[in-house]
Amino acid sequence: MSFIDKAKNAADQAVGKAKEVIGEATDNHKLEAEGKLQQAKGDVKQAGEDVKDAFKGK
């Protein structure tokens, strides 16, 4: 299941980056902030997966 979780986290990061860039380009501060938040959530979740992997010895 870890692979699926990592893929979801990467997708969150990518979608968040896209929202951030679109928000910047259109001067939509709400969308830009939403994108940054989504990226941060993906980063935190990914860090959790990395910790799990470290304890599993991968």
N, C-alpha and C. Protein backbone atom coordinates (compact mmCIF):
# COMPACT_ATOMS: atom_id res chain seq x y z
N MET A 1 0.82 -1.20 0.00
CA MET A 1 0.00 0.00 0.00
C MET A 1 0.86 1.25 0.00
N SER A 2 2.07 1.14 0.40
CA SER A 2 2.95 2.29 0.48
C SER A 2 3.16 2.95 -0.88
N PHE A 3 3.28 2.14 -1.92
CA PHE A 3 3.46 2.68 -3.27
C PHE A 3 2.27 3.55 -3.68
N ILE A 4 1.08 3.08 -3.37
CA ILE A 4 -0.13 3.83 -3.71
C ILE A 4 -0.16 5.15 -2.94
N ASP A 5 0.19 5.08 -1.66
CA ASP A 5 0.22 6.30 -0.84
C ASP A 5 1.24 7.30 -1.38
N LYS A 6 2.41 6.80 -1.78
CA LYS A 6 3.44 7.69 -2.32
C LYS A 6 2.97 8.33 -3.62
N ALA A 7 2.26 7.56 -4.45
CA ALA A 7 1.74 8.11 -5.71
C ALA A 7 0.70 9.19 -5.43
N LYS A 8 -0.16 8.95 -4.45
CA LYS A 8 -1.17 9.96 -4.09
C LYS A 8 -0.50 11.23 -3.57
N ASN A 9 0.55 11.06 -2.77
CA ASN A 9 1.26 12.22 -2.24
C ASN A 9 1.92 13.01 -3.36
N ALA A 10 2.52 12.31 -4.31
CA ALA A 10 3.15 12.99 -5.45
C ALA A 10 2.10 13.72 -6.28
N ALA A 11 0.93 13.10 -6.42
CA ALA A 11 -0.16 13.75 -7.17
C ALA A 11 -0.61 15.01 -6.44
N ASP A 12 -0.74 14.94 -5.12
CA ASP A 12 -1.11 16.13 -4.34
C ASP A 12 -0.10 17.25 -4.55
N GLN A 13 1.17 16.89 -4.54
CA GLN A 13 2.22 17.89 -4.73
C GLN A 13 2.14 18.50 -6.13
N ALA A 14 1.92 17.67 -7.14
CA ALA A 14 1.87 18.17 -8.52
C ALA A 14 0.64 19.05 -8.74
N VAL A 15 -0.51 18.62 -8.26
CA VAL A 15 -1.73 19.41 -8.43
C VAL A 15 -1.61 20.71 -7.65
N GLY A 16 -1.02 20.64 -6.47
CA GLY A 16 -0.82 21.85 -5.68
C GLY A 16 0.08 22.84 -6.39
N LYS A 17 1.14 22.34 -7.01
CA LYS A 17 2.06 23.23 -7.74
C LYS A 17 1.33 23.87 -8.92
N ALA A 18 0.52 23.07 -9.62
CA ALA A 18 -0.23 23.61 -10.76
C ALA A 18 -1.18 24.71 -10.30
N LYS A 19 -1.88 24.48 -9.18
CA LYS A 19 -2.79 25.50 -8.66
C LYS A 19 -2.03 26.77 -8.28
N GLU A 20 -0.87 26.58 -7.67
CA GLU A 20 -0.07 27.73 -7.28
C GLU A 20 0.34 28.55 -8.51
N VAL A 21 0.82 27.90 -9.54
CA VAL A 21 1.27 28.59 -10.75
C VAL A 21 0.11 29.28 -11.44
N ILE A 22 -1.03 28.60 -11.53
CA ILE A 22 -2.20 29.21 -12.17
C ILE A 22 -2.68 30.41 -11.34
N GLY A 23 -2.66 30.25 -10.02
CA GLY A 23 -3.05 31.35 -9.14
C GLY A 23 -2.16 32.57 -9.32
N GLU A 24 -0.85 32.32 -9.43
CA GLU A 24 0.08 33.43 -9.66
C GLU A 24 -0.18 34.10 -11.00
N ALA A 25 -0.39 33.29 -12.04
CA ALA A 25 -0.57 33.83 -13.39
C ALA A 25 -1.86 34.63 -13.52
N THR A 26 -2.89 34.23 -12.78
CA THR A 26 -4.19 34.90 -12.89
C THR A 26 -4.43 35.89 -11.76
N ASP A 27 -3.42 36.07 -10.90
CA ASP A 27 -3.53 36.97 -9.75
C ASP A 27 -4.66 36.55 -8.83
N ASN A 28 -4.86 35.23 -8.72
CA ASN A 28 -5.88 34.66 -7.84
C ASN A 28 -5.17 34.17 -6.58
N HIS A 29 -5.17 35.01 -5.56
CA HIS A 29 -4.42 34.71 -4.35
C HIS A 29 -4.99 33.51 -3.59
N LYS A 30 -6.30 33.33 -3.67
CA LYS A 30 -6.93 32.19 -2.99
C LYS A 30 -6.46 30.88 -3.62
N LEU A 31 -6.45 30.80 -4.93
CA LEU A 31 -6.01 29.59 -5.62
C LEU A 31 -4.53 29.33 -5.37
N GLU A 32 -3.76 30.39 -5.36
CA GLU A 32 -2.32 30.27 -5.10
C GLU A 32 -2.08 29.70 -3.69
N ALA A 33 -2.80 30.22 -2.72
CA ALA A 33 -2.65 29.75 -1.34
C ALA A 33 -3.13 28.30 -1.21
N GLU A 34 -4.21 27.98 -1.89
CA GLU A 34 -4.73 26.62 -1.88
C GLU A 34 -3.69 25.65 -2.44
N GLY A 35 -3.03 26.06 -3.50
CA GLY A 35 -2.00 25.23 -4.10
C GLY A 35 -0.82 25.01 -3.17
N LYS A 36 -0.40 26.07 -2.50
CA LYS A 36 0.71 25.95 -1.54
C LYS A 36 0.33 25.01 -0.39
N LEU A 37 -0.90 25.12 0.08
CA LEU A 37 -1.37 24.26 1.16
C LEU A 37 -1.41 22.80 0.71
N GLN A 38 -1.89 22.56 -0.48
CA GLN A 38 -1.96 21.19 -1.00
C GLN A 38 -0.57 20.60 -1.16
N GLN A 39 0.38 21.40 -1.60
CA GLN A 39 1.76 20.94 -1.72
C GLN A 39 2.32 20.59 -0.34
N ALA A 40 2.04 21.43 0.63
CA ALA A 40 2.55 21.19 1.98
C ALA A 40 1.97 19.90 2.56
N LYS A 41 0.69 19.67 2.32
CA LYS A 41 0.07 18.43 2.80
C LYS A 41 0.74 17.22 2.16
N GLY A 42 0.99 17.30 0.87
CA GLY A 42 1.67 16.21 0.17
C GLY A 42 3.07 15.99 0.71
N ASP A 43 3.77 17.08 1.01
CA ASP A 43 5.12 16.98 1.57
C ASP A 43 5.11 16.29 2.93
N VAL A 44 4.16 16.68 3.78
CA VAL A 44 4.08 16.09 5.12
C VAL A 44 3.73 14.61 5.03
N LYS A 45 2.78 14.28 4.19
CA LYS A 45 2.41 12.87 4.03
C LYS A 45 3.58 12.06 3.49
N GLN A 46 4.32 12.64 2.55
CA GLN A 46 5.48 11.95 1.98
C GLN A 46 6.55 11.73 3.04
N ALA A 47 6.74 12.70 3.89
CA ALA A 47 7.72 12.56 4.97
C ALA A 47 7.31 11.41 5.90
N GLY A 48 6.02 11.29 6.16
CA GLY A 48 5.52 10.18 6.98
C GLY A 48 5.81 8.84 6.33
N GLU A 49 5.63 8.76 5.01
CA GLU A 49 5.92 7.53 4.29
C GLU A 49 7.41 7.21 4.35
N ASP A 50 8.24 8.23 4.27
CA ASP A 50 9.68 8.03 4.35
C ASP A 50 10.09 7.48 5.71
N VAL A 51 9.45 7.99 6.77
CA VAL A 51 9.72 7.50 8.12
C VAL A 51 9.30 6.04 8.24
N LYS A 52 8.12 5.71 7.71
CA LYS A 52 7.67 4.32 7.75
C LYS A 52 8.67 3.41 7.04
N ASP A 53 9.13 3.84 5.88
CA ASP A 53 10.09 3.05 5.12
C ASP A 53 11.39 2.87 5.89
N ALA A 54 11.81 3.91 6.59
CA ALA A 54 13.05 3.83 7.35
C ALA A 54 12.94 2.78 8.46
N PHE A 55 11.77 2.69 9.09
CA PHE A 55 11.58 1.71 10.15
C PHE A 55 11.41 0.31 9.59
N LYS A 56 10.95 0.20 8.35
CA LYS A 56 10.81 -1.11 7.71
C LYS A 56 12.14 -1.61 7.18
N GLY A 57 13.12 -0.70 7.11
CA GLY A 57 14.43 -1.08 6.61
C GLY A 57 14.56 -1.03 5.11
N LYS A 58 13.74 -0.22 4.46
CA LYS A 58 13.79 -0.13 2.99
C LYS A 58 14.76 0.93 2.57
